[in-house]
């Protein structure tokens, strides 16, 4: 076993969803996530994932981007930490041969003159298998104790948030109680990837934000004690496709709220789904508390605006237990292509909240929603901003 020669003192280690951030001396950190320790010893540090290993050298893909060769001294201190561990008190000494490709590591040592290599005196590794196991457990917990919705009201004095949830039985308000132990995260403005979210503050949350949390719901479902929440401000668009350019990967949408055209760009990251007609009609009936009553503002005049015929039982939305939401239904649908959204297609889109109101980049695109929009005669924003769109923590950071 490689002997120990240097101690490594640090302020804290934060592990979230398998991604590690070492907070060094002089940098601010939240008291709830950081264990105070003396400042670190001198030397450069690098954080990243092990790409390959040869003899006593690691090739590290750093979180900042470039690869770095790490030469591990014979006298270097090697430790294994667990995901979620906040100090090195219980870290276990390991041998160099135990480090494998895919492991997350922090290394500290002396950098080379060109900055492309580093001679390490300390290596702290978190095993890839442990990260995946923790991530899987968290995924299961998000599914069991998760809640989605739209922020309706923020009460700074009570430190609570009121959200509106959309289940197949209708929209319901839920009061979210935030404690000092609640982890607050904020989606990046251009992504619903959990890995892109940052630690946030209660003051950043605004009415209209998309919300996802995990915690414990009260017996009557009216309150929710949050262990962790993630919120974000995204642009929601509902309307019809007026022009499609598949070669340019763009759709021009006649927006029902603003009454203005919006050019929506489709990227490789865009999640595209399309509701089967009978399923959409079944959802519309449940969300609207009855059959669709007519087109909003003269839109969708098919059949003179009359309600569609009752859906066949086999094609309606699954009955569920009153908690099934759009996201759970959509996750089960096959992926669609841009060709599935021709002129006249009714769509609901979650897009980036850019500065140009006439353009957007689609994050999620859902077609086949004509019955849902007809179920809201006034084209209410609440129906159009329903939380089907919100992704959550998913393997490798992909939105669901």
Protein backbone atom coordinates (compact mmCIF):
# COMPACT_ATOMS: atom_id res chain seq x y z
CA UNK A 1 0.00 0.00 0.00
CA UNK A 2 1.22 3.45 -0.83
CA UNK A 3 2.22 5.23 2.37
CA UNK A 4 0.78 8.47 3.62
CA UNK A 5 2.98 11.56 3.70
CA UNK A 6 0.74 14.59 3.45
CA UNK A 7 -2.47 15.51 5.14
CA UNK A 8 -5.20 17.20 3.13
CA UNK A 9 -7.36 19.67 5.00
CA UNK A 10 -10.28 21.24 3.20
CA UNK A 11 -13.48 23.12 3.78
CA UNK A 12 -15.91 20.62 2.31
CA UNK A 13 -17.04 18.15 -0.26
CA UNK A 14 -20.46 18.46 -1.79
CA UNK A 15 -21.77 15.49 -3.76
CA UNK A 16 -25.04 15.84 -5.67
CA UNK A 17 -26.33 13.17 -8.03
CA UNK A 18 -22.81 11.77 -8.35
CA UNK A 19 -21.18 15.08 -9.24
CA UNK A 20 -18.54 16.34 -6.84
CA UNK A 21 -17.55 19.89 -6.01
CA UNK A 22 -14.69 20.55 -3.61
CA UNK A 23 -15.08 23.98 -2.02
CA UNK A 24 -11.68 25.44 -1.23
CA UNK A 25 -10.54 28.11 1.20
CA UNK A 26 -11.76 31.62 0.45
CA UNK A 27 -14.86 30.52 -1.48
CA UNK A 28 -18.35 30.96 -0.07
CA UNK A 29 -20.53 27.92 0.56
CA UNK A 30 -23.86 27.19 2.14
CA UNK A 31 -23.66 26.28 5.78
CA UNK A 32 -26.13 23.46 5.31
CA UNK A 33 -23.88 21.67 2.83
CA UNK A 34 -20.38 22.41 4.15
CA UNK A 35 -18.42 21.05 7.05
CA UNK A 36 -15.97 23.71 8.28
CA UNK A 37 -12.34 22.61 8.34
CA UNK A 38 -8.96 24.36 8.33
CA UNK A 39 -7.80 25.69 4.92
CA UNK A 40 -6.21 23.33 2.40
CA UNK A 41 -2.50 22.82 1.99
CA UNK A 42 -0.77 24.56 -0.95
CA UNK A 43 -0.86 23.02 -4.39
CA UNK A 44 -3.04 22.93 -7.46
CA UNK A 45 -6.17 20.80 -7.48
CA UNK A 46 -8.04 19.20 -10.36
CA UNK A 47 -11.45 17.53 -10.31
CA UNK A 48 -12.86 15.24 -12.95
CA UNK A 49 -13.37 11.69 -14.19
CA UNK A 50 -10.68 9.12 -14.91
CA UNK A 51 -10.45 8.44 -18.64
CA UNK A 52 -7.62 5.92 -18.62
CA UNK A 53 -4.87 4.50 -16.42
CA UNK A 54 -1.36 3.34 -17.27
CA UNK A 55 1.28 2.36 -14.72
CA UNK A 56 1.33 5.25 -12.21
CA UNK A 57 -0.44 7.77 -14.47
CA UNK A 58 -4.07 8.82 -14.72
CA UNK A 59 -5.57 10.65 -17.66
CA UNK A 60 -8.16 12.92 -16.08
CA UNK A 61 -10.98 14.61 -17.99
CA UNK A 62 -11.44 17.67 -15.83
CA UNK A 63 -14.76 19.35 -15.13
CA UNK A 64 -13.35 22.45 -16.81
CA UNK A 65 -12.87 20.57 -20.06
CA UNK A 66 -9.24 19.79 -20.89
CA UNK A 67 -7.52 16.51 -20.15
CA UNK A 68 -4.68 16.42 -17.64
CA UNK A 69 -2.06 13.74 -17.07
CA UNK A 70 -1.71 12.98 -13.38
CA UNK A 71 1.50 11.34 -12.18
CA UNK A 72 0.87 9.73 -8.79
CA UNK A 73 3.90 9.77 -6.53
CA UNK A 74 4.85 6.64 -4.62
CA UNK A 75 4.42 8.64 -1.43
CA UNK A 76 1.04 10.07 -2.44
CA UNK A 77 -1.93 9.70 -0.14
CA UNK A 78 -4.75 7.74 -1.81
CA UNK A 79 -8.25 7.67 -0.31
CA UNK A 80 -11.69 6.41 -1.25
CA UNK A 81 -14.72 8.50 -0.26
CA UNK A 82 -18.41 7.71 -0.61
CA UNK A 83 -20.95 9.84 -2.50
CA UNK A 84 -22.45 12.30 -0.05
CA UNK A 85 -19.49 12.17 2.30
CA UNK A 86 -18.73 15.66 3.62
CA UNK A 87 -15.26 15.15 5.08
CA UNK A 88 -12.36 12.71 5.01
CA UNK A 89 -12.73 11.41 8.55
CA UNK A 90 -14.17 8.12 7.35
CA UNK A 91 -12.37 7.98 3.99
CA UNK A 92 -10.64 4.66 3.43
CA UNK A 93 -7.02 4.28 2.24
CA UNK A 94 -6.78 2.49 -1.10
CA UNK A 95 -4.10 1.29 -3.48
CA UNK A 96 -3.51 2.81 -6.89
CA UNK A 97 -4.65 -0.37 -8.65
CA UNK A 98 -8.15 0.08 -7.16
CA UNK A 99 -8.75 3.26 -9.17
CA UNK A 100 -10.62 2.58 -12.41
CA UNK A 101 -11.78 4.42 -15.50
CA UNK A 102 -15.00 6.29 -14.80
CA UNK A 103 -14.20 7.01 -11.15
CA UNK A 104 -14.58 10.58 -9.97
CA UNK A 105 -11.41 11.95 -8.41
CA UNK A 106 -9.89 15.00 -6.83
CA UNK A 107 -6.13 15.30 -7.17
CA UNK A 108 -3.81 17.82 -5.57
CA UNK A 109 -0.17 18.37 -6.34
CA UNK A 110 2.43 20.27 -8.30
CA UNK A 111 1.51 21.31 -11.86
CA UNK A 112 3.90 21.23 -14.79
CA UNK A 113 5.03 24.42 -16.47
CA UNK A 114 2.68 23.97 -19.43
CA UNK A 115 -0.27 23.12 -17.19
CA UNK A 116 -0.96 19.85 -19.04
CA UNK A 117 0.17 17.54 -16.27
CA UNK A 118 0.31 17.38 -12.50
CA UNK A 119 2.34 15.37 -10.00
CA UNK A 120 -0.15 14.35 -7.33
CA UNK A 121 0.53 14.10 -3.63
CA UNK A 122 -3.16 13.41 -2.85
CA UNK A 123 -5.84 11.49 -4.75
CA UNK A 124 -9.40 11.17 -3.43
CA UNK A 125 -11.55 8.80 -5.48
CA UNK A 126 -15.27 8.12 -5.52
CA UNK A 127 -15.98 4.85 -7.28
CA UNK A 128 -18.11 4.90 -10.41
CA UNK A 129 -20.21 1.99 -9.13
CA UNK A 130 -20.94 3.85 -5.88
CA UNK A 131 -22.01 6.96 -7.81
CA UNK A 132 -24.31 4.92 -10.05
CA UNK A 133 -25.79 3.11 -7.06
CA UNK A 134 -26.49 6.38 -5.25
CA UNK A 135 -27.90 7.91 -8.41
CA UNK A 136 -30.21 4.93 -8.91
CA UNK A 137 -31.45 5.16 -5.32
CA UNK A 138 -32.10 8.87 -5.72
CA UNK A 139 -33.96 8.26 -8.98
CA UNK A 140 -36.22 5.78 -7.23
CA UNK A 141 -36.83 8.24 -4.42
CA UNK A 142 -37.71 11.03 -6.87
CA UNK A 143 -40.26 8.71 -8.43
CA UNK A 144 -41.78 7.64 -5.12
CA UNK A 145 -41.78 10.98 -3.31
CA UNK A 146 -41.63 13.44 -6.19
CA UNK A 147 -44.03 16.28 -6.96
CA UNK A 148 -44.27 18.54 -10.01
CA UNK A 149 -46.15 21.72 -10.67
CA UNK A 150 -46.10 25.43 -11.40
CA UNK A 151 -45.31 28.03 -8.75
CA UNK A 152 -48.43 30.07 -8.06
CA UNK A 153 -47.38 32.05 -4.98
CA UNK A 154 -44.24 32.64 -2.88
CA UNK A 155 -44.57 33.61 0.80
CA UNK A 156 -41.19 34.84 2.14
CA UNK A 157 -42.53 35.37 5.67
CA UNK A 158 -43.81 31.79 6.02
CA UNK A 159 -41.01 30.43 3.83
CA UNK A 160 -43.53 28.51 1.76
CA UNK A 161 -44.37 28.13 -1.91
CA UNK A 162 -47.81 27.37 -3.29
CA UNK A 163 -47.79 25.37 -6.51
CA UNK A 164 -50.50 24.15 -8.82
CA UNK A 165 -50.29 20.49 -9.80
CA UNK A 166 -51.98 18.94 -12.82
CA UNK A 167 -53.21 15.41 -12.26
CA UNK A 168 -55.70 13.62 -14.43
CA UNK A 169 -58.37 14.42 -11.86
CA UNK A 170 -57.76 18.17 -12.19
CA UNK A 171 -55.52 20.98 -11.01
CA UNK A 172 -54.86 21.27 -7.28
CA UNK A 173 -52.92 23.75 -5.11
CA UNK A 174 -50.24 22.36 -2.79
CA UNK A 175 -48.32 24.32 -0.15
CA UNK A 176 -44.60 23.52 -0.21
CA UNK A 177 -42.90 23.93 3.16
CA UNK A 178 -39.19 24.81 2.99
CA UNK A 179 -36.98 24.03 5.99
CA UNK A 180 -33.35 25.00 6.68
CA UNK A 181 -32.41 21.47 5.58
CA UNK A 182 -34.16 21.70 2.21
CA UNK A 183 -31.73 21.63 -0.72
CA UNK A 184 -32.64 24.35 -3.22
CA UNK A 185 -31.54 24.06 -6.84
CA UNK A 186 -32.17 26.22 -9.88
CA UNK A 187 -32.40 25.00 -13.48
CA UNK A 188 -30.08 26.59 -16.00
CA UNK A 189 -32.12 28.86 -18.34
CA UNK A 190 -31.29 26.71 -21.36
CA UNK A 191 -31.58 23.22 -19.91
CA UNK A 192 -33.82 20.90 -17.90
CA UNK A 193 -30.87 18.59 -17.22
CA UNK A 194 -30.42 17.97 -13.51
CA UNK A 195 -26.65 18.05 -13.96
CA UNK A 196 -26.84 21.62 -15.27
CA UNK A 197 -28.77 22.90 -12.25
CA UNK A 198 -27.01 25.02 -9.64
CA UNK A 199 -27.58 25.59 -5.96
CA UNK A 200 -30.16 28.33 -5.66
CA UNK A 201 -31.83 30.58 -3.10
CA UNK A 202 -35.42 30.93 -1.94
CA UNK A 203 -35.42 34.54 -3.15
CA UNK A 204 -34.89 33.39 -6.75
CA UNK A 205 -38.21 31.53 -6.92
CA UNK A 206 -40.96 33.39 -8.78
CA UNK A 207 -44.63 32.76 -9.62
CA UNK A 208 -44.80 30.95 -12.95
CA UNK A 209 -41.62 28.97 -12.33
CA UNK A 210 -41.64 25.28 -13.03
CA UNK A 211 -41.18 23.23 -9.88
CA UNK A 212 -40.09 19.74 -8.97
CA UNK A 213 -39.45 18.48 -5.48
CA UNK A 214 -39.09 15.37 -3.42
CA UNK A 215 -40.29 15.02 0.13
CA UNK A 216 -43.33 13.93 2.10
CA UNK A 217 -46.89 14.88 1.27
CA UNK A 218 -49.54 15.30 3.95
CA UNK A 219 -52.36 12.77 4.24
CA UNK A 220 -54.84 15.05 2.47
CA UNK A 221 -52.29 16.07 -0.18
CA UNK A 222 -52.57 19.78 0.55
CA UNK A 223 -49.05 20.23 1.96
CA UNK A 224 -45.61 18.96 1.03
CA UNK A 225 -42.52 18.94 3.27
CA UNK A 226 -39.63 19.34 0.85
CA UNK A 227 -36.28 17.60 1.24
CA UNK A 228 -35.04 18.93 -2.10
CA UNK A 229 -36.54 21.17 -4.76
CA UNK A 230 -35.51 22.38 -8.17
CA UNK A 231 -37.15 25.36 -9.87
CA UNK A 232 -36.64 27.24 -13.09
CA UNK A 233 -38.08 29.86 -15.37
CA UNK A 234 -38.83 28.60 -18.86
CA UNK A 235 -40.88 29.88 -21.71
CA UNK A 236 -44.07 27.95 -22.46
CA UNK A 237 -45.68 28.20 -25.88
CA UNK A 238 -48.99 26.77 -27.07
CA UNK A 239 -50.40 27.13 -30.55
CA UNK A 240 -50.37 25.68 -34.04
CA UNK A 241 -47.61 25.09 -36.53
CA UNK A 242 -47.96 27.63 -39.34
CA UNK A 243 -44.71 26.76 -41.13
CA UNK A 244 -42.26 23.87 -40.83
CA UNK A 245 -38.74 23.74 -42.26
CA UNK A 246 -37.42 20.29 -41.51
CA UNK A 247 -34.12 20.93 -43.29
CA UNK A 248 -33.45 23.96 -41.07
CA UNK A 249 -34.97 22.27 -38.00
CA UNK A 250 -37.35 25.13 -37.30
CA UNK A 251 -41.08 25.49 -36.69
CA UNK A 252 -43.01 28.74 -36.88
CA UNK A 253 -45.75 28.68 -34.26
CA UNK A 254 -48.91 30.82 -34.20
CA UNK A 255 -48.92 31.43 -30.43
CA UNK A 256 -52.37 31.39 -28.80
CA UNK A 257 -51.39 33.66 -25.91
CA UNK A 258 -49.40 36.42 -27.61
CA UNK A 259 -51.16 36.09 -31.00
CA UNK A 260 -47.72 36.53 -32.59
CA UNK A 261 -45.59 34.13 -34.64
CA UNK A 262 -42.63 32.52 -32.90
CA UNK A 263 -39.80 30.74 -34.67
CA UNK A 264 -38.82 27.68 -32.64
CA UNK A 265 -35.51 25.96 -33.27
CA UNK A 266 -35.17 22.20 -32.74
CA UNK A 267 -31.86 20.78 -31.52
CA UNK A 268 -30.50 17.31 -30.83
CA UNK A 269 -31.36 17.91 -27.17
CA UNK A 270 -35.06 18.62 -27.87
CA UNK A 271 -37.41 15.97 -26.50
CA UNK A 272 -40.25 15.41 -29.01
CA UNK A 273 -43.41 13.42 -28.29
CA UNK A 274 -46.89 13.24 -29.78
CA UNK A 275 -50.08 12.27 -27.94
CA UNK A 276 -52.39 9.79 -29.68
CA UNK A 277 -55.71 11.49 -30.42
CA UNK A 278 -57.88 9.35 -28.16
CA UNK A 279 -55.42 9.64 -25.27
CA UNK A 280 -55.37 13.43 -25.65
CA UNK A 281 -59.17 13.51 -25.60
CA UNK A 282 -59.25 11.39 -22.46
CA UNK A 283 -56.76 13.67 -20.70
CA UNK A 284 -58.69 16.76 -21.79
CA UNK A 285 -61.89 15.38 -20.29
CA UNK A 286 -60.23 14.74 -16.94
CA UNK A 287 -58.35 18.02 -16.79
CA UNK A 288 -61.36 20.04 -17.90
CA UNK A 289 -63.82 18.29 -15.61
CA UNK A 290 -65.92 17.27 -18.60
CA UNK A 291 -65.96 17.15 -22.38
CA UNK A 292 -64.12 19.88 -24.30
CA UNK A 293 -66.53 22.76 -24.82
CA UNK A 294 -65.17 24.38 -27.96
CA UNK A 295 -62.15 25.96 -29.59
CA UNK A 296 -60.35 28.82 -27.82
CA UNK A 297 -60.92 32.10 -29.62
CA UNK A 298 -62.05 30.40 -32.81
CA UNK A 299 -58.97 28.18 -33.10
CA UNK A 300 -59.26 24.53 -34.15
CA UNK A 301 -62.63 24.85 -35.93
CA UNK A 302 -62.70 21.17 -36.88
CA UNK A 303 -66.26 19.85 -36.85
CA UNK A 304 -67.70 23.26 -36.08
CA UNK A 305 -66.10 23.30 -32.64
CA UNK A 306 -68.27 20.51 -31.22
CA UNK A 307 -66.93 18.21 -28.55
CA UNK A 308 -65.22 15.09 -29.90
CA UNK A 309 -66.95 11.73 -29.55
CA UNK A 310 -66.30 9.83 -26.32
CA UNK A 311 -62.91 8.11 -26.45
CA UNK A 312 -62.78 4.34 -26.60
CA UNK A 313 -61.79 2.92 -23.20
CA UNK A 314 -58.69 1.21 -24.51
CA UNK A 315 -57.32 4.49 -25.84
CA UNK A 316 -58.05 6.85 -22.99
CA UNK A 317 -55.41 7.97 -20.55
CA UNK A 318 -54.76 5.35 -17.88
CA UNK A 319 -56.99 5.74 -14.84
CA UNK A 320 -54.17 5.95 -12.31
CA UNK A 321 -54.82 6.91 -8.69
CA UNK A 322 -55.34 10.65 -9.09
CA UNK A 323 -51.62 11.44 -9.00
CA UNK A 324 -50.69 10.45 -12.53
CA UNK A 325 -49.48 13.54 -14.40
CA UNK A 326 -48.57 14.48 -17.94
CA UNK A 327 -44.88 13.73 -17.45
CA UNK A 328 -45.54 10.12 -16.49
CA UNK A 329 -47.72 9.65 -19.55
CA UNK A 330 -45.34 11.33 -21.95
CA UNK A 331 -42.34 9.37 -20.69
CA UNK A 332 -44.06 6.23 -21.97
CA UNK A 333 -44.64 7.58 -25.48
CA UNK A 334 -42.23 6.86 -28.35
CA UNK A 335 -39.98 9.66 -29.55
CA UNK A 336 -41.33 11.71 -32.46
CA UNK A 337 -39.51 13.35 -35.35
CA UNK A 338 -39.84 16.85 -36.77
CA UNK A 339 -41.83 15.40 -39.67
CA UNK A 340 -44.58 14.50 -37.17
CA UNK A 341 -45.36 18.21 -36.70
CA UNK A 342 -46.82 19.44 -40.01
CA UNK A 343 -48.63 22.70 -40.69
CA UNK A 344 -51.76 22.96 -38.55
CA UNK A 345 -50.46 20.66 -35.79
CA UNK A 346 -51.42 21.84 -32.29
CA UNK A 347 -48.37 21.87 -30.04
CA UNK A 348 -47.26 22.71 -26.53
CA UNK A 349 -43.61 23.71 -26.14
CA UNK A 350 -41.23 24.43 -23.31
CA UNK A 351 -38.40 26.57 -24.60
CA UNK A 352 -35.46 28.63 -23.46
CA UNK A 353 -36.32 31.98 -21.93
CA UNK A 354 -34.22 34.05 -24.31
CA UNK A 355 -34.27 37.79 -24.84
CA UNK A 356 -35.93 37.71 -28.27
CA UNK A 357 -39.71 37.15 -27.94
CA UNK A 358 -39.92 36.11 -31.59
CA UNK A 359 -37.46 33.21 -31.30
CA UNK A 360 -36.96 30.25 -28.98
CA UNK A 361 -35.06 26.98 -28.70
CA UNK A 362 -37.31 24.05 -27.85
CA UNK A 363 -36.48 21.93 -24.84
CA UNK A 364 -39.64 19.81 -24.92
CA UNK A 365 -42.11 19.64 -27.83
CA UNK A 366 -45.48 17.90 -27.51
CA UNK A 367 -47.91 17.45 -30.39
CA UNK A 368 -51.42 16.07 -30.64
CA UNK A 369 -52.66 18.50 -27.96
CA UNK A 370 -55.64 19.98 -29.84
CA UNK A 371 -58.18 18.42 -27.43
CA UNK A 372 -56.28 19.82 -24.45
CA UNK A 373 -56.34 23.34 -25.86
CA UNK A 374 -59.99 23.06 -26.87
CA UNK A 375 -60.77 22.01 -23.29
CA UNK A 376 -59.75 25.52 -22.22
CA UNK A 377 -62.17 27.82 -24.09
CA UNK A 378 -60.39 31.00 -23.03
CA UNK A 379 -56.96 29.62 -23.81
CA UNK A 380 -55.98 30.03 -20.16
CA UNK A 381 -52.29 30.24 -19.48
CA UNK A 382 -52.57 27.75 -16.64
CA UNK A 383 -53.70 25.00 -18.99
CA UNK A 384 -50.94 25.81 -21.45
CA UNK A 385 -48.25 25.95 -18.76
CA UNK A 386 -49.21 22.64 -17.22
CA UNK A 387 -46.20 20.82 -15.73
CA UNK A 388 -46.02 18.00 -18.27
CA UNK A 389 -42.91 19.78 -19.45
CA UNK A 390 -40.77 19.58 -16.40
CA UNK A 391 -38.02 16.99 -16.47
CA UNK A 392 -36.15 15.80 -13.44
CA UNK A 393 -33.10 13.92 -12.33
CA UNK A 394 -32.55 11.11 -14.76
CA UNK A 395 -29.69 8.78 -15.64
CA UNK A 396 -26.78 10.67 -17.12
CA UNK A 397 -28.65 13.93 -16.64
CA UNK A 398 -31.18 13.41 -19.41
CA UNK A 399 -34.62 14.91 -18.97
CA UNK A 400 -37.43 12.44 -19.01
